[in-house]
Amino acid sequence: MTKAVSGFAVLALAAGVIPSSFAAAQPDAGSAFAVPHQLVDVGGRKMNIYCSGKGATTVVFDSPSGDAGWGWFQVQPEVAKHTRACVYDRAGLGFSDPAKRPNTSENVVEDLHKLLAAAGEKAPYILVGNSLGGANVQVYAYRYPKEVKGLVLVEAQHEDETNRVNKASGGKIKEFYAMVAAQNKYCQAAAEKGFKAGSEEHKNCVGDAAEISKIFGPTLGAAVTASTLKASFWRANTAEYDGIEASDEQLRKLRRPFGDLPIVVLTRGVSPYRIPDQPQSATNKAIEDANFAVQKEYLKLTTRGTQRVVPGAGHVIQAEKPEAVVAAVLEVLKQVK
């Protein structure tokens, strides 16, 4: 399910359809995220990282599929009041240069490890990831266990999630995934030719700048719109989305207990698939029950784990209930001090 909703979040914005559960931004609250901050060479290409705050432990955020670090603009500044906090853009997203390889979890972790070292950021880290970003931070914790002191898994991708939720849905989830993948390719093809203002492709893939600004504020909203106009964004987004099965397999091969690593699991309280103003269907309930059960699996991997359902929040909790993510991060931070 995470895979589908990650794409759904991108598509909703691109089509100018703003889900009611998205939190409205304060006027220009995201302006600091609308420009590159530290562009760091990671081996012939540069990646953007933005850190602020001070503390012995550094919190690093990773975003859902197709999203840059600016998706945490309502969370990172609040965490930075308490400790060092960093967001970054995966290859080809935001202000980071594209890579010749897809952003599978192993590739992302290799990039992030190089980026943090080259930027002068030092462990220990608390890693926070939503959706695909949640899979990435788990892979990082397995690859570099001495560097990671805690995890916050925000509707994090689980390696068995697709099959389990698809079974609960009677096959409908994989049908939706295929639709998202097709939409990505449609938008990539349009971007390669160049979007024409007012065209159907522009409406479906880039969306309405004014509506996007309602979420991100005018300055960051303009940066998000500019990003979705680029063919490089759609190439990276398509490759990343198409590579999620590979990321699942990479995580599956690494899967083992985390020991006593503090982990807070945030699970949605609102289904992104439920039809508004209608009774919940049996299929939707089965999907949500399966999603909760998959998220609960993480508690078996640590002796210090907590799962918390976030009322009023769907899949992208950092956009919908950012205060819940901040609280979870501070909870883990308190445990590692």
Protein backbone atom coordinates (compact mmCIF):
# COMPACT_ATOMS: atom_id res chain seq x y z
CA MET A 1 0.00 0.00 0.00
CA THR A 2 2.79 2.40 0.76
CA LYS A 3 3.96 2.11 -2.80
CA ALA A 4 0.59 3.10 -4.18
CA VAL A 5 -0.03 5.97 -1.85
CA SER A 6 3.39 7.45 -2.43
CA GLY A 7 2.52 7.65 -6.08
CA PHE A 8 -0.97 8.83 -5.20
CA ALA A 9 0.45 11.76 -3.25
CA VAL A 10 2.52 12.83 -6.24
CA LEU A 11 -0.36 12.33 -8.65
CA ALA A 12 -2.79 14.23 -6.46
CA LEU A 13 -0.50 17.22 -6.40
CA ALA A 14 0.33 16.93 -10.07
CA ALA A 15 -3.33 16.84 -11.03
CA GLY A 16 -4.11 19.79 -8.83
CA VAL A 17 -6.29 17.65 -6.58
CA ILE A 18 -5.49 18.57 -3.00
CA PRO A 19 -6.59 15.90 -0.49
CA SER A 20 -8.51 17.44 2.40
CA SER A 21 -6.21 15.69 4.85
CA PHE A 22 -3.16 17.67 3.72
CA ALA A 23 -2.30 20.34 6.25
CA ALA A 24 -2.42 23.89 4.96
CA ALA A 25 0.95 25.59 5.27
CA GLN A 26 1.48 28.81 7.17
CA PRO A 27 2.23 31.68 4.78
CA ASP A 28 5.63 30.93 3.25
CA ALA A 29 6.62 28.56 6.07
CA GLY A 30 8.55 26.45 3.59
CA SER A 31 10.59 29.21 1.98
CA ALA A 32 13.86 27.97 3.53
CA PHE A 33 13.40 24.69 1.66
CA ALA A 34 12.84 26.34 -1.73
CA VAL A 35 16.53 26.74 -2.52
CA PRO A 36 19.53 24.41 -2.42
CA HIS A 37 21.61 24.70 0.75
CA GLN A 38 24.71 22.52 0.77
CA LEU A 39 25.44 20.86 -2.58
CA VAL A 40 27.87 18.05 -1.81
CA ASP A 41 29.88 15.96 -4.26
CA VAL A 42 29.19 12.25 -3.80
CA GLY A 43 31.37 11.02 -6.65
CA GLY A 44 30.93 13.09 -9.79
CA ARG A 45 27.49 14.44 -8.96
CA LYS A 46 26.09 16.66 -6.26
CA MET A 47 23.36 16.13 -3.73
CA ASN A 48 21.49 18.71 -1.69
CA ILE A 49 21.38 18.53 2.09
CA TYR A 50 19.94 21.06 4.52
CA CYS A 51 20.76 20.83 8.22
CA SER A 52 20.07 23.16 11.13
CA GLY A 53 20.06 23.02 14.90
CA LYS A 54 22.65 21.67 17.32
CA GLY A 55 22.88 18.50 19.35
CA ALA A 56 24.86 15.36 20.03
CA THR A 57 22.40 13.29 17.98
CA THR A 58 21.47 14.18 14.40
CA VAL A 59 18.02 13.40 13.01
CA VAL A 60 17.93 12.59 9.28
CA PHE A 61 14.68 12.49 7.31
CA ASP A 62 13.96 10.47 4.15
CA SER A 63 10.91 11.12 1.98
CA PRO A 64 8.31 8.98 0.22
CA SER A 65 8.63 7.92 -3.39
CA GLY A 66 8.96 10.86 -5.77
CA ASP A 67 9.30 13.44 -3.00
CA ALA A 68 12.25 15.69 -2.14
CA GLY A 69 13.44 16.66 1.32
CA TRP A 70 11.13 19.67 1.32
CA GLY A 71 8.24 17.35 2.21
CA TRP A 72 9.43 17.65 5.84
CA PHE A 73 9.22 21.45 5.90
CA GLN A 74 6.70 21.42 8.77
CA VAL A 75 8.71 18.92 10.83
CA GLN A 76 12.44 19.59 10.42
CA PRO A 77 12.43 23.15 11.86
CA GLU A 78 10.59 21.98 14.98
CA VAL A 79 13.01 19.11 15.57
CA ALA A 80 15.94 21.48 14.95
CA LYS A 81 14.87 23.43 18.05
CA HIS A 82 15.99 20.41 20.08
CA THR A 83 18.89 18.85 18.16
CA ARG A 84 20.63 18.73 14.78
CA ALA A 85 18.15 17.90 12.00
CA CYS A 86 18.78 17.25 8.30
CA VAL A 87 16.72 16.75 5.17
CA TYR A 88 18.17 15.80 1.81
CA ASP A 89 17.11 15.21 -1.78
CA ARG A 90 17.59 11.78 -3.31
CA ALA A 91 19.29 11.67 -6.72
CA GLY A 92 17.24 13.43 -9.41
CA LEU A 93 14.77 14.95 -6.94
CA GLY A 94 14.65 18.46 -5.54
CA PHE A 95 18.06 20.05 -6.07
CA SER A 96 20.15 16.88 -6.32
CA ASP A 97 21.75 15.86 -9.59
CA PRO A 98 20.30 12.80 -11.32
CA ALA A 99 22.09 9.46 -11.19
CA LYS A 100 22.49 6.81 -13.87
CA ARG A 101 20.98 4.23 -11.55
CA PRO A 102 17.51 4.07 -9.93
CA ASN A 103 16.92 5.07 -6.32
CA THR A 104 16.57 1.58 -4.93
CA SER A 105 17.08 1.37 -1.18
CA GLU A 106 20.64 0.06 -1.43
CA ASN A 107 21.62 2.81 -3.88
CA VAL A 108 19.95 5.47 -1.73
CA VAL A 109 21.74 4.27 1.41
CA GLU A 110 25.08 4.29 -0.38
CA ASP A 111 24.42 7.87 -1.52
CA LEU A 112 23.22 9.01 1.90
CA HIS A 113 26.20 7.54 3.72
CA LYS A 114 28.58 9.35 1.36
CA LEU A 115 26.54 12.55 1.59
CA LEU A 116 26.49 12.71 5.38
CA ALA A 117 30.23 12.05 5.61
CA ALA A 118 31.14 14.58 2.91
CA ALA A 119 28.84 17.19 4.45
CA GLY A 120 30.60 16.79 7.79
CA GLU A 121 27.56 15.40 9.61
CA LYS A 122 28.44 12.92 12.32
CA ALA A 123 26.69 9.94 13.89
CA PRO A 124 24.86 8.94 15.96
CA TYR A 125 21.71 9.35 13.90
CA ILE A 126 18.00 8.96 14.44
CA LEU A 127 16.56 8.11 11.04
CA VAL A 128 13.01 9.06 10.09
CA GLY A 129 11.39 7.72 6.94
CA ASN A 130 7.96 7.82 5.34
CA SER A 131 6.81 5.20 2.84
CA LEU A 132 9.75 4.25 0.56
CA GLY A 133 11.91 6.47 2.77
CA GLY A 134 10.93 4.18 5.64
CA ALA A 135 12.39 1.20 3.81
CA ASN A 136 15.53 3.18 3.03
CA VAL A 137 16.20 4.09 6.67
CA GLN A 138 15.79 0.46 7.70
CA VAL A 139 18.38 -0.60 5.12
CA TYR A 140 20.69 2.12 6.44
CA ALA A 141 20.27 0.82 9.99
CA TYR A 142 21.19 -2.69 8.84
CA ARG A 143 24.18 -1.51 6.78
CA TYR A 144 25.55 0.89 9.40
CA PRO A 145 24.19 -0.30 12.77
CA LYS A 146 26.83 1.50 14.83
CA GLU A 147 25.70 4.84 13.40
CA VAL A 148 21.97 4.51 14.08
CA LYS A 149 20.52 4.98 17.58
CA GLY A 150 16.81 5.06 16.76
CA LEU A 151 14.17 4.90 14.04
CA VAL A 152 10.85 6.63 13.43
CA LEU A 153 8.93 4.65 10.82
CA VAL A 154 6.15 6.79 9.34
CA GLU A 155 3.87 4.46 7.38
CA ALA A 156 7.13 2.80 6.38
CA GLN A 157 7.36 0.40 3.46
CA HIS A 158 7.61 -3.24 4.59
CA GLU A 159 9.04 -5.85 2.24
CA ASP A 160 5.90 -8.03 2.42
CA GLU A 161 3.42 -5.18 2.40
CA THR A 162 2.52 -5.21 -1.28
CA ASN A 163 1.58 -8.88 -1.37
CA ARG A 164 -0.27 -8.87 1.94
CA VAL A 165 -2.32 -5.75 1.28
CA ASN A 166 -2.98 -6.76 -2.30
CA LYS A 167 -4.35 -10.10 -1.10
CA ALA A 168 -6.60 -8.29 1.37
CA SER A 169 -7.88 -6.06 -1.43
CA GLY A 170 -8.69 -8.94 -3.75
CA GLY A 171 -6.02 -7.80 -6.20
CA LYS A 172 -7.16 -4.19 -6.44
CA ILE A 173 -4.00 -2.67 -4.94
CA LYS A 174 -1.70 -4.04 -7.63
CA GLU A 175 -4.15 -2.79 -10.24
CA PHE A 176 -3.82 0.67 -8.72
CA TYR A 177 -0.02 0.39 -8.64
CA ALA A 178 -0.08 -0.37 -12.37
CA MET A 179 -2.18 2.75 -12.96
CA VAL A 180 0.31 4.89 -11.06
CA ALA A 181 3.24 3.42 -12.99
CA ALA A 182 1.45 4.13 -16.28
CA GLN A 183 0.74 7.71 -15.17
CA ASN A 184 4.41 8.21 -14.33
CA LYS A 185 5.43 7.09 -17.81
CA TYR A 186 2.78 9.32 -19.40
CA CYS A 187 4.10 12.33 -17.50
CA GLN A 188 7.71 11.46 -18.25
CA ALA A 189 6.95 11.31 -21.97
CA ALA A 190 5.18 14.67 -21.78
CA ALA A 191 8.06 16.21 -19.83
CA GLU A 192 10.59 14.96 -22.38
CA LYS A 193 8.68 16.88 -25.07
CA GLY A 194 8.17 19.88 -22.81
CA PHE A 195 4.95 20.78 -21.05
CA LYS A 196 2.76 23.39 -22.71
CA ALA A 197 0.89 25.69 -20.36
CA GLY A 198 -2.83 24.92 -20.39
CA SER A 199 -2.38 21.51 -22.00
CA GLU A 200 -3.98 18.33 -20.71
CA GLU A 201 -0.52 16.97 -19.88
CA HIS A 202 0.33 20.08 -17.87
CA LYS A 203 -2.93 19.81 -15.94
CA ASN A 204 -2.50 16.09 -15.22
CA CYS A 205 1.21 16.10 -14.38
CA VAL A 206 2.19 19.55 -13.12
CA GLY A 207 -1.11 20.80 -11.75
CA ASP A 208 -2.26 24.23 -10.68
CA ALA A 209 0.48 26.35 -9.13
CA ALA A 210 -1.97 28.28 -6.95
CA GLU A 211 -3.38 25.10 -5.45
CA ILE A 212 0.09 23.69 -4.79
CA SER A 213 1.04 26.95 -3.07
CA LYS A 214 -1.87 26.44 -0.67
CA ILE A 215 0.01 23.44 0.68
CA PHE A 216 3.61 24.62 0.55
CA GLY A 217 3.28 28.42 0.59
CA PRO A 218 4.13 30.61 -2.41
CA THR A 219 7.92 30.29 -2.42
CA LEU A 220 8.23 26.55 -1.85
CA GLY A 221 5.12 25.95 -3.95
CA ALA A 222 6.85 27.62 -6.89
CA ALA A 223 9.90 25.39 -6.40
CA VAL A 224 7.73 22.25 -6.30
CA THR A 225 5.96 23.33 -9.50
CA ALA A 226 9.28 24.07 -11.20
CA SER A 227 10.55 20.63 -10.23
CA THR A 228 7.59 18.78 -11.73
CA LEU A 229 8.15 20.57 -15.04
CA LYS A 230 11.54 18.91 -15.44
CA ALA A 231 12.07 15.74 -17.43
CA SER A 232 14.87 14.83 -15.00
CA PHE A 233 12.34 14.72 -12.15
CA TRP A 234 10.02 12.38 -14.04
CA ARG A 235 12.90 10.13 -15.08
CA ALA A 236 14.02 9.80 -11.46
CA ASN A 237 10.47 9.41 -10.17
CA THR A 238 9.57 6.73 -12.72
CA ALA A 239 12.77 4.76 -12.10
CA GLU A 240 12.35 5.04 -8.32
CA TYR A 241 8.75 3.86 -8.43
CA ASP A 242 9.50 1.02 -10.82
CA GLY A 243 12.37 -0.04 -8.55
CA ILE A 244 10.30 -0.49 -5.40
CA GLU A 245 10.04 -4.27 -5.86
CA ALA A 246 13.85 -4.38 -5.99
CA SER A 247 13.97 -2.26 -2.82
CA ASP A 248 11.58 -4.70 -1.14
CA GLU A 249 13.86 -7.60 -2.03
CA GLN A 250 16.93 -5.74 -0.76
CA LEU A 251 15.23 -5.14 2.58
CA ARG A 252 13.99 -8.73 2.72
CA LYS A 253 17.55 -10.07 2.38
CA LEU A 254 18.74 -7.89 5.25
CA ARG A 255 15.80 -8.49 7.58
CA ARG A 256 16.76 -9.46 11.11
CA PRO A 257 15.91 -8.16 14.59
CA PHE A 258 17.06 -4.66 15.53
CA GLY A 259 17.75 -5.73 19.11
CA ASP A 260 17.04 -2.95 21.60
CA LEU A 261 16.99 -0.14 19.03
CA PRO A 262 14.26 2.40 19.98
CA ILE A 263 11.60 2.45 17.25
CA VAL A 264 8.37 4.43 17.04
CA VAL A 265 5.95 3.29 14.34
CA LEU A 266 3.38 5.83 13.14
CA THR A 267 0.37 4.35 11.38
CA ARG A 268 -2.36 6.21 9.55
CA GLY A 269 -5.77 6.70 11.07
CA VAL A 270 -7.45 7.66 7.77
CA SER A 271 -7.63 5.39 4.75
CA PRO A 272 -6.44 7.00 1.51
CA TYR A 273 -8.71 4.59 -0.37
CA ARG A 274 -11.95 5.20 1.44
CA ILE A 275 -14.67 7.02 -0.51
CA PRO A 276 -15.61 10.20 1.39
CA ASP A 277 -19.09 10.47 2.88
CA GLN A 278 -19.81 6.79 2.31
CA PRO A 279 -19.81 3.86 4.75
CA GLN A 280 -16.57 1.92 4.88
CA SER A 281 -16.69 -1.08 2.56
CA ALA A 282 -15.59 -4.56 3.59
CA THR A 283 -12.71 -4.33 1.13
CA ASN A 284 -11.51 -1.04 2.56
CA LYS A 285 -11.66 -2.42 6.09
CA ALA A 286 -9.63 -5.45 4.98
CA ILE A 287 -7.02 -3.15 3.42
CA GLU A 288 -6.73 -1.03 6.54
CA ASP A 289 -6.58 -4.05 8.84
CA ALA A 290 -3.79 -5.50 6.70
CA ASN A 291 -1.89 -2.21 6.73
CA PHE A 292 -2.11 -2.00 10.53
CA ALA A 293 -0.94 -5.60 10.90
CA VAL A 294 2.03 -5.05 8.58
CA GLN A 295 3.06 -1.96 10.52
CA LYS A 296 2.75 -3.90 13.77
CA GLU A 297 5.33 -6.39 12.47
CA TYR A 298 8.06 -3.87 13.28
CA LEU A 299 7.40 -4.28 17.00
CA LYS A 300 8.63 -7.89 16.79
CA LEU A 301 12.05 -6.62 15.68
CA THR A 302 12.92 -4.59 18.77
CA THR A 303 12.55 -4.75 22.53
CA ARG A 304 11.86 -1.00 22.58
CA GLY A 305 9.12 -0.48 20.02
CA THR A 306 5.88 1.51 20.05
CA GLN A 307 3.14 1.69 17.44
CA ARG A 308 0.89 4.70 17.42
CA VAL A 309 -2.13 5.30 15.19
CA VAL A 310 -2.40 8.98 14.20
CA PRO A 311 -6.05 10.08 14.08
CA GLY A 312 -6.93 12.34 11.18
CA ALA A 313 -3.81 11.46 9.20
CA GLY A 314 -3.51 9.42 6.06
CA HIS A 315 -0.36 8.00 4.52
CA VAL A 316 1.72 11.21 4.40
CA ILE A 317 1.58 11.91 8.12
CA GLN A 318 4.31 14.59 8.05
CA ALA A 319 2.09 16.71 5.80
CA GLU A 320 -1.18 15.97 7.53
CA LYS A 321 -0.24 15.79 11.22
CA PRO A 322 3.36 17.05 11.43
CA GLU A 323 3.11 17.48 15.19
CA ALA A 324 2.72 13.69 15.56
CA VAL A 325 6.01 13.12 13.75
CA VAL A 326 7.78 15.76 15.82
CA ALA A 327 6.53 14.14 19.02
CA ALA A 328 7.70 10.70 17.88
CA VAL A 329 11.17 12.01 17.03
CA LEU A 330 11.51 13.74 20.40
CA GLU A 331 10.35 10.56 22.12
CA VAL A 332 13.15 8.57 20.49
CA LEU A 333 15.64 11.38 21.09
CA LYS A 334 14.86 11.25 24.82
CA GLN A 335 15.55 7.51 24.84
CA VAL A 336 18.99 7.80 23.23
CA LYS A 337 20.33 10.68 25.33
